[in-house]
């Protein structure tokens, strides 16, 4: 038999008739329509976040740990070996290297609250490097290569003001 537009039918089981709710006790879904008792969970569109059926929720069972310092400074680290790799590849040029030059060359993704130079890896080029912080080993490596490290004064350690005493000195 050929199928024509007026004889088309869905496949068997393709359409499912929804269960009629609230049609008396005999229907099996009468009175509360399968939603239990009263309250928030008997309503539509409600999910109680973190509710575990009266059991203490996991976010209250687990202990609090740690501390987040909102005033923490984000110091970005650069190694001397990384600077040498960028010089060798031609991405970093010039005798004077600043934070902005490092960012422009792609060594750093962002500047953060400062840049610290660390002495991991070799440095062959004689450079003047201006950074916010530098380790002693990094300064030694740069000087060995014939260069100089300039630690920017804005982040240099503040010297004790004359006449001011620390708390320890006041207690003595």
Foldseek 3Di string as FASTA:
>chain_A
DDDDPVRDDDDPPPDDDDQDAQPDVVSVRHDLRPQDDDDDSSDPPDDDPQDDPPPHGPVVVDDDDDDDDPPDFDEAEDELQLVQVLVVVVLQDDQEAELVSCCSSPVDVDQTRWYEYEHDRAHQAAHEYETQYYDPNRQVRNVVNVHGYHHDPVNPDDDDDPPDDDPVVVVD
